Amino acid sequence: MSYETIDHIRFNDTLDGVIILDQTALPGAERYLCLTSLEEMTEAIRSLRVRGAPAIGIFAAFSLAALARRIPAESSVEILLRLRKDGAVLAASRPTAVNLSWAVQRMLDAAEPCAGLAPEDFRDHLYLEAQKILQEDIAMCRAIAGHGLTLLHDGDGILTHCNAGPIATSRYGTALGPILLAAEQGMKLHVFADETRPLLQGARLTSWELQRAGVDVTLICDNMASSVMKQGWVQACFVGCDRIAANGDTANKIGTSGVAILAKHYGIPFYVLGPSSSVDLSLSSGSEIPIELRPEEEIRSRWYAEDMAPSSVPCYNPAFDVTDHDLITGIITENGICLPPFEENLPKYV
């Protein structure tokens, strides 16, 4: 069985824009948007229309390529000067996922030596660089899936938190990659998907992706993870990542660290899966990772017909938490499975 590829980020040559699958509309509707302005692109990142660290990086690359085509200029130098400003705005739209700033910087680095080209050649060069980033991500996802698959056995139960599947990357995904690859090869697994409050990425996105691919999946509330682990139904936890520090501390969607603590208690291996571009060796530990705070309304009222808390009650809504490295069994990148001690071993896998 081969799952149907979701073409959720692509370039629009006709409009010089980027087409995305609007993830805020899932699972009710598969709605595609064509974004042509910097304002639309940054809004799409902030509002999570496009999300998932690798996918945000791909989107940022295509966005800069599209913006370069829309900047009226007589020289490539003028386009580059404007792109530096636009890139800074894009990179600031979500601070935790390092892939965003990584992709922006890579596009600008690719543009610098081409500033002497004619504008049309300069623009074509940026488009090709964005395509390279996409193709590299596809290969990266397939490699991560292959490494992760070696840890799975027929009949295993896997618990995952948030969404790290195809629509969070390019193809296969990171945390869901081994599961989808296993399904292609006829292996029978059962996945428990945490709903992932407050934005419900597990409920709206992960369960949608897995069911679409024919994978046996059960949706659970976040506070049910301990119960299914205690029953012996979970043999491994697979989660994605937004940034990994040099010591292995990992930032991922809020609630991930709690899953890791429970897994340690029940003796269940806990794996982090992500591209080497999510590893930030410039940060010594997770305490240095910036954590995005999101609007209070996501907790109080987003999914309800009426507010579920008094409007005067303050809400604390961090988008991510940091899982301590000593709770992580292994970190899987496209280069293999990295085991502790991470401070010593992680540089070999980036």
Protein backbone atom coordinates (compact mmCIF):
# COMPACT_ATOMS: atom_id res chain seq x y z
CA MET A 1 0.00 0.00 0.00
CA SER A 2 1.27 3.48 -0.85
CA TYR A 3 -0.29 6.54 0.73
CA GLU A 4 -1.51 9.36 -1.51
CA THR A 5 0.94 12.28 -1.50
CA ILE A 6 -0.50 15.57 -0.24
CA ASP A 7 0.74 18.44 -2.42
CA HIS A 8 0.36 21.04 0.32
CA ILE A 9 3.07 23.61 -0.58
CA ARG A 10 3.80 24.53 -4.18
CA PHE A 11 4.87 27.45 -6.31
CA ASN A 12 2.36 29.26 -8.53
CA ASP A 13 4.17 30.45 -11.67
CA THR A 14 1.15 32.26 -13.04
CA LEU A 15 0.60 34.50 -10.02
CA ASP A 16 4.15 34.45 -8.63
CA GLY A 17 2.81 33.19 -5.33
CA VAL A 18 2.84 30.16 -3.02
CA ILE A 19 -0.11 27.77 -2.82
CA ILE A 20 -0.68 26.14 0.57
CA LEU A 21 -3.18 23.75 2.09
CA ASP A 22 -4.87 25.83 4.80
CA GLN A 23 -4.34 23.61 7.85
CA THR A 24 -6.73 25.70 9.96
CA ALA A 25 -9.62 24.38 7.83
CA LEU A 26 -8.82 20.70 8.42
CA PRO A 27 -10.35 18.20 8.85
CA GLY A 28 -13.61 19.75 7.70
CA ALA A 29 -12.36 21.12 4.38
CA GLU A 30 -9.32 20.79 2.13
CA ARG A 31 -8.94 24.47 1.23
CA TYR A 32 -6.01 25.79 -0.78
CA LEU A 33 -4.84 29.41 -0.71
CA CYS A 34 -2.53 31.29 -3.06
CA LEU A 35 -0.42 33.81 -1.14
CA THR A 36 1.30 36.62 -3.04
CA SER A 37 2.22 39.29 -0.48
CA LEU A 38 4.57 39.39 2.50
CA GLU A 39 1.62 40.23 4.75
CA GLU A 40 -0.30 37.15 3.60
CA MET A 41 2.75 34.95 4.04
CA THR A 42 3.57 36.08 7.59
CA GLU A 43 -0.11 35.81 8.54
CA ALA A 44 -0.18 32.24 7.24
CA ILE A 45 2.76 31.33 9.49
CA ARG A 46 1.43 33.13 12.59
CA SER A 47 -2.10 31.76 12.23
CA LEU A 48 -0.79 28.21 11.57
CA ARG A 49 -2.29 27.96 8.10
CA VAL A 50 1.13 26.50 7.34
CA ARG A 51 2.90 24.82 10.28
CA GLY A 52 5.43 22.18 11.20
CA ALA A 53 9.09 23.19 11.39
CA PRO A 54 10.27 21.66 8.06
CA ALA A 55 7.14 22.84 6.21
CA ILE A 56 7.62 26.38 7.49
CA GLY A 57 11.17 26.32 6.15
CA ILE A 58 10.01 25.13 2.71
CA PHE A 59 7.25 27.72 2.70
CA ALA A 60 9.67 30.52 3.62
CA ALA A 61 11.99 29.51 0.76
CA PHE A 62 9.19 29.56 -1.81
CA SER A 63 7.86 32.80 -0.32
CA LEU A 64 11.17 34.59 -0.86
CA ALA A 65 11.38 33.19 -4.40
CA ALA A 66 7.86 34.48 -5.09
CA LEU A 67 8.50 37.89 -3.52
CA ALA A 68 11.66 38.28 -5.63
CA ARG A 69 9.50 37.96 -8.74
CA ARG A 70 7.07 40.59 -7.49
CA ILE A 71 9.65 43.22 -6.52
CA PRO A 72 9.85 45.83 -9.30
CA ALA A 73 13.54 46.56 -9.77
CA GLU A 74 16.06 47.26 -12.50
CA SER A 75 18.90 45.44 -10.77
CA SER A 76 19.37 42.28 -8.75
CA VAL A 77 21.07 44.33 -6.04
CA GLU A 78 17.80 46.21 -5.47
CA ILE A 79 15.89 42.94 -5.22
CA LEU A 80 18.42 41.54 -2.75
CA LEU A 81 18.19 44.61 -0.50
CA ARG A 82 14.42 44.25 -0.34
CA LEU A 83 14.62 40.49 0.21
CA ARG A 84 16.85 41.00 3.24
CA LYS A 85 14.12 43.12 4.84
CA ASP A 86 11.33 40.73 3.84
CA GLY A 87 13.38 37.77 5.07
CA ALA A 88 13.82 39.38 8.49
CA VAL A 89 10.05 39.84 8.77
CA LEU A 90 9.37 36.24 7.75
CA ALA A 91 11.99 34.86 10.17
CA ALA A 92 10.45 36.78 13.09
CA SER A 93 6.93 35.43 12.53
CA ARG A 94 7.57 32.29 14.66
CA PRO A 95 10.66 32.32 16.87
CA THR A 96 10.91 28.74 18.16
CA ALA A 97 11.17 26.68 14.95
CA VAL A 98 14.77 27.08 13.82
CA ASN A 99 13.99 25.79 10.30
CA LEU A 100 12.28 29.09 9.48
CA SER A 101 15.32 31.28 10.11
CA TRP A 102 17.56 28.55 8.62
CA ALA A 103 15.66 28.55 5.32
CA VAL A 104 15.53 32.35 5.12
CA GLN A 105 19.28 32.59 5.70
CA ARG A 106 20.00 29.85 3.16
CA MET A 107 17.97 31.69 0.51
CA LEU A 108 19.78 34.96 1.24
CA ASP A 109 23.17 33.22 1.20
CA ALA A 110 22.28 31.76 -2.20
CA ALA A 111 21.23 35.18 -3.46
CA GLU A 112 24.36 37.10 -2.38
CA PRO A 113 26.82 35.79 -5.02
CA CYS A 114 24.18 36.21 -7.76
CA ALA A 115 23.55 39.91 -7.23
CA GLY A 116 25.51 40.67 -10.44
CA LEU A 117 23.13 38.64 -12.61
CA ALA A 118 20.30 40.08 -14.66
CA PRO A 119 17.10 40.32 -12.54
CA GLU A 120 15.39 37.46 -14.40
CA ASP A 121 18.36 35.13 -13.93
CA PHE A 122 18.61 36.18 -10.28
CA ARG A 123 14.94 35.32 -9.72
CA ASP A 124 15.32 31.96 -11.48
CA HIS A 125 18.30 31.13 -9.26
CA LEU A 126 16.22 31.75 -6.12
CA TYR A 127 13.39 29.59 -7.42
CA LEU A 128 15.82 26.73 -8.07
CA GLU A 129 17.26 27.09 -4.56
CA ALA A 130 13.76 26.83 -3.07
CA GLN A 131 13.15 23.71 -5.15
CA LYS A 132 16.42 22.28 -3.83
CA ILE A 133 15.26 22.84 -0.24
CA LEU A 134 12.00 21.01 -1.05
CA GLN A 135 13.74 18.05 -2.70
CA GLU A 136 16.26 17.79 0.13
CA ASP A 137 13.38 17.72 2.63
CA ILE A 138 11.67 14.91 0.72
CA ALA A 139 14.89 12.87 0.81
CA MET A 140 15.38 13.78 4.49
CA CYS A 141 11.88 12.57 5.41
CA ARG A 142 12.41 9.29 3.59
CA ALA A 143 15.74 8.75 5.36
CA ILE A 144 14.26 9.52 8.80
CA ALA A 145 11.37 7.16 8.06
CA GLY A 146 13.82 4.40 7.16
CA HIS A 147 15.88 4.83 10.32
CA GLY A 148 12.79 4.97 12.53
CA LEU A 149 11.29 1.90 10.89
CA THR A 150 14.16 -0.21 12.26
CA LEU A 151 12.81 0.44 15.77
CA LEU A 152 9.31 -0.85 15.03
CA HIS A 153 7.84 -4.36 15.16
CA ASP A 154 4.62 -5.76 13.76
CA GLY A 155 1.79 -5.16 16.22
CA ASP A 156 3.48 -2.29 18.09
CA GLY A 157 1.48 0.52 19.63
CA ILE A 158 2.94 3.98 19.02
CA LEU A 159 1.94 7.15 20.84
CA THR A 160 2.53 10.50 19.16
CA HIS A 161 1.90 14.09 20.22
CA CYS A 162 1.00 17.02 17.95
CA ASN A 163 1.48 16.60 14.20
CA ALA A 164 4.75 15.67 12.50
CA GLY A 165 3.38 14.04 9.36
CA PRO A 166 3.42 14.87 5.65
CA ILE A 167 1.67 18.24 5.96
CA ALA A 168 4.20 19.35 8.59
CA THR A 169 7.07 18.53 6.23
CA SER A 170 7.22 17.62 2.55
CA ARG A 171 6.43 13.90 2.34
CA TYR A 172 6.14 11.07 4.90
CA GLY A 173 6.83 13.46 7.77
CA THR A 174 9.27 13.02 10.64
CA ALA A 175 7.54 11.37 13.62
CA LEU A 176 4.88 9.84 11.38
CA GLY A 177 7.35 8.87 8.65
CA PRO A 178 8.29 5.44 10.05
CA ILE A 179 4.60 4.68 10.64
CA LEU A 180 3.60 5.54 7.07
CA LEU A 181 6.57 3.63 5.67
CA ALA A 182 5.64 0.64 7.83
CA ALA A 183 2.10 0.77 6.45
CA GLU A 184 3.46 0.81 2.89
CA GLN A 185 5.41 -2.35 3.67
CA GLY A 186 2.40 -4.13 5.15
CA MET A 187 3.38 -3.84 8.82
CA LYS A 188 0.44 -3.58 11.22
CA LEU A 189 0.79 -0.87 13.88
CA HIS A 190 -1.67 0.91 16.12
CA VAL A 191 -1.20 4.63 16.77
CA PHE A 192 -2.54 6.57 19.73
CA ALA A 193 -2.74 10.24 18.75
CA ASP A 194 -2.89 12.79 21.57
CA GLU A 195 -5.43 15.46 20.65
CA THR A 196 -2.78 18.12 21.54
CA ARG A 197 -4.47 21.02 23.28
CA PRO A 198 -5.12 23.86 22.88
CA LEU A 199 -4.93 23.86 19.05
CA LEU A 200 -5.82 20.17 18.59
CA GLN A 201 -3.22 19.37 15.93
CA GLY A 202 -3.34 15.71 16.90
CA ALA A 203 -7.11 15.55 16.59
CA ARG A 204 -7.52 17.69 13.48
CA LEU A 205 -4.35 16.80 11.55
CA THR A 206 -2.60 13.63 12.75
CA SER A 207 -5.72 11.50 12.97
CA TRP A 208 -6.82 12.87 9.56
CA GLU A 209 -3.46 12.03 7.94
CA LEU A 210 -3.21 8.54 9.43
CA GLN A 211 -6.78 7.55 8.68
CA ARG A 212 -6.33 8.89 5.13
CA ALA A 213 -3.28 6.61 4.79
CA GLY A 214 -5.14 3.55 6.11
CA VAL A 215 -3.25 3.42 9.43
CA ASP A 216 -5.07 2.09 12.50
CA VAL A 217 -5.34 5.15 14.74
CA THR A 218 -7.15 5.98 17.98
CA LEU A 219 -7.55 9.57 19.14
CA ILE A 220 -7.12 10.22 22.87
CA CYS A 221 -7.25 13.30 25.07
CA ASP A 222 -3.86 14.52 26.23
CA ASN A 223 -4.61 13.47 29.80
CA MET A 224 -5.30 9.87 28.71
CA ALA A 225 -1.69 9.10 27.71
CA SER A 226 -0.84 7.67 31.13
CA SER A 227 -3.86 5.37 31.01
CA VAL A 228 -2.99 3.77 27.65
CA MET A 229 0.66 3.43 28.67
CA LYS A 230 -0.30 1.71 31.92
CA GLN A 231 -2.44 -0.79 29.96
CA GLY A 232 0.69 -1.86 28.05
CA TRP A 233 -0.71 -0.64 24.75
CA VAL A 234 2.26 1.63 23.89
CA GLN A 235 5.66 0.21 22.92
CA ALA A 236 7.26 3.51 21.80
CA CYS A 237 6.63 7.25 21.63
CA PHE A 238 7.53 9.12 18.43
CA VAL A 239 7.43 12.92 18.41
CA GLY A 240 8.74 15.68 16.16
CA CYS A 241 10.78 18.72 17.11
CA ASP A 242 11.09 22.42 16.43
CA ARG A 243 14.58 22.95 17.83
CA ILE A 244 17.19 20.71 19.47
CA ALA A 245 19.96 22.18 21.62
CA ALA A 246 23.53 20.85 21.70
CA ASN A 247 22.87 18.78 24.84
CA GLY A 248 19.78 17.11 23.31
CA ASP A 249 17.15 19.23 25.07
CA THR A 250 14.27 19.46 22.59
CA ALA A 251 11.54 22.04 22.02
CA ASN A 252 8.33 20.59 20.63
CA LYS A 253 4.61 21.29 20.92
CA ILE A 254 3.39 22.04 24.43
CA GLY A 255 2.67 18.80 26.29
CA THR A 256 5.56 16.83 24.81
CA SER A 257 7.65 16.97 27.97
CA GLY A 258 4.76 15.50 29.96
CA VAL A 259 4.55 12.57 27.54
CA ALA A 260 8.30 12.01 27.95
CA ILE A 261 8.00 11.98 31.75
CA LEU A 262 5.20 9.41 31.57
CA ALA A 263 7.17 7.27 29.12
CA LYS A 264 10.16 7.24 31.46
CA HIS A 265 7.91 6.19 34.36
CA TYR A 266 6.47 3.26 32.39
CA GLY A 267 9.79 2.25 30.79
CA ILE A 268 8.69 3.13 27.26
CA PRO A 269 11.33 4.39 24.78
CA PHE A 270 10.82 8.02 23.75
CA TYR A 271 12.22 9.11 20.36
CA VAL A 272 12.53 12.57 18.83
CA LEU A 273 12.53 12.66 15.02
CA GLY A 274 13.52 15.66 12.93
CA PRO A 275 15.85 17.01 10.26
CA SER A 276 19.42 17.96 11.07
CA SER A 277 18.40 21.56 10.30
CA SER A 278 16.37 21.49 13.54
CA VAL A 279 19.54 20.90 15.55
CA ASP A 280 20.93 24.20 16.86
CA LEU A 281 24.42 23.51 18.18
CA SER A 282 24.84 27.22 19.01
CA LEU A 283 22.54 26.68 22.03
CA SER A 284 24.08 24.73 24.89
CA SER A 285 20.76 23.72 26.44
CA GLY A 286 17.00 24.03 26.11
CA SER A 287 16.93 26.96 28.53
CA GLU A 288 18.23 29.10 25.65
CA ILE A 289 15.47 28.14 23.20
CA PRO A 290 12.95 31.01 22.73
CA ILE A 291 9.41 29.85 23.50
CA GLU A 292 6.55 31.45 21.59
CA LEU A 293 3.60 32.69 23.64
CA ARG A 294 0.29 32.62 21.79
CA PRO A 295 -3.05 34.42 22.29
CA GLU A 296 -5.14 33.68 25.39
CA GLU A 297 -8.22 33.13 23.22
CA GLU A 298 -6.81 29.81 22.00
CA ILE A 299 -7.43 28.42 25.49
CA ARG A 300 -10.51 30.36 26.50
CA SER A 301 -12.71 30.44 23.42
CA ARG A 302 -11.22 29.17 20.15
CA TRP A 303 -13.15 25.90 19.86
CA TYR A 304 -16.26 26.83 21.84
CA ALA A 305 -19.59 28.46 20.98
CA GLU A 306 -19.25 30.36 24.26
CA ASP A 307 -16.23 31.21 26.40
CA MET A 308 -15.23 28.31 28.64
CA ALA A 309 -13.60 30.58 31.25
CA PRO A 310 -14.34 34.03 32.66
CA SER A 311 -12.96 36.72 30.35
CA SER A 312 -11.08 38.29 33.27
CA VAL A 313 -9.05 35.14 34.04
CA PRO A 314 -5.50 35.42 32.66
CA CYS A 315 -4.29 32.53 30.49
CA TYR A 316 -0.75 31.27 30.04
CA ASN A 317 -0.39 29.81 26.56
CA PRO A 318 3.16 28.75 25.56
CA ALA A 319 3.17 27.06 22.16
CA PHE A 320 6.08 24.77 23.06
CA ASP A 321 7.84 23.16 25.99
CA VAL A 322 11.33 21.72 26.33
CA THR A 323 11.88 18.01 26.95
CA ASP A 324 15.04 17.41 28.98
CA HIS A 325 17.66 15.31 27.20
CA ASP A 326 17.72 12.68 29.97
CA LEU A 327 14.11 11.77 29.09
CA ILE A 328 14.96 11.09 25.43
CA THR A 329 15.96 7.58 24.33
CA GLY A 330 17.24 8.68 20.93
CA ILE A 331 17.18 11.51 18.39
CA ILE A 332 16.61 10.43 14.78
CA THR A 333 17.78 12.65 11.93
CA GLU A 334 18.27 11.82 8.26
CA ASN A 335 21.79 10.75 9.22
CA GLY A 336 20.78 8.01 11.66
CA ILE A 337 19.75 7.28 15.24
CA CYS A 338 21.72 9.35 17.76
CA LEU A 339 21.94 7.89 21.27
CA PRO A 340 23.18 9.55 24.49
CA PRO A 341 25.40 11.22 25.45
CA PHE A 342 23.91 13.75 23.03
CA GLU A 343 26.43 16.50 23.71
CA GLU A 344 29.14 14.18 22.44
CA ASN A 345 27.22 12.33 19.73
CA LEU A 346 24.76 14.87 18.26
CA PRO A 347 27.36 16.74 16.12
CA LYS A 348 27.91 13.47 14.19
CA TYR A 349 24.28 13.49 13.03
CA VAL A 350 23.99 17.03 11.65
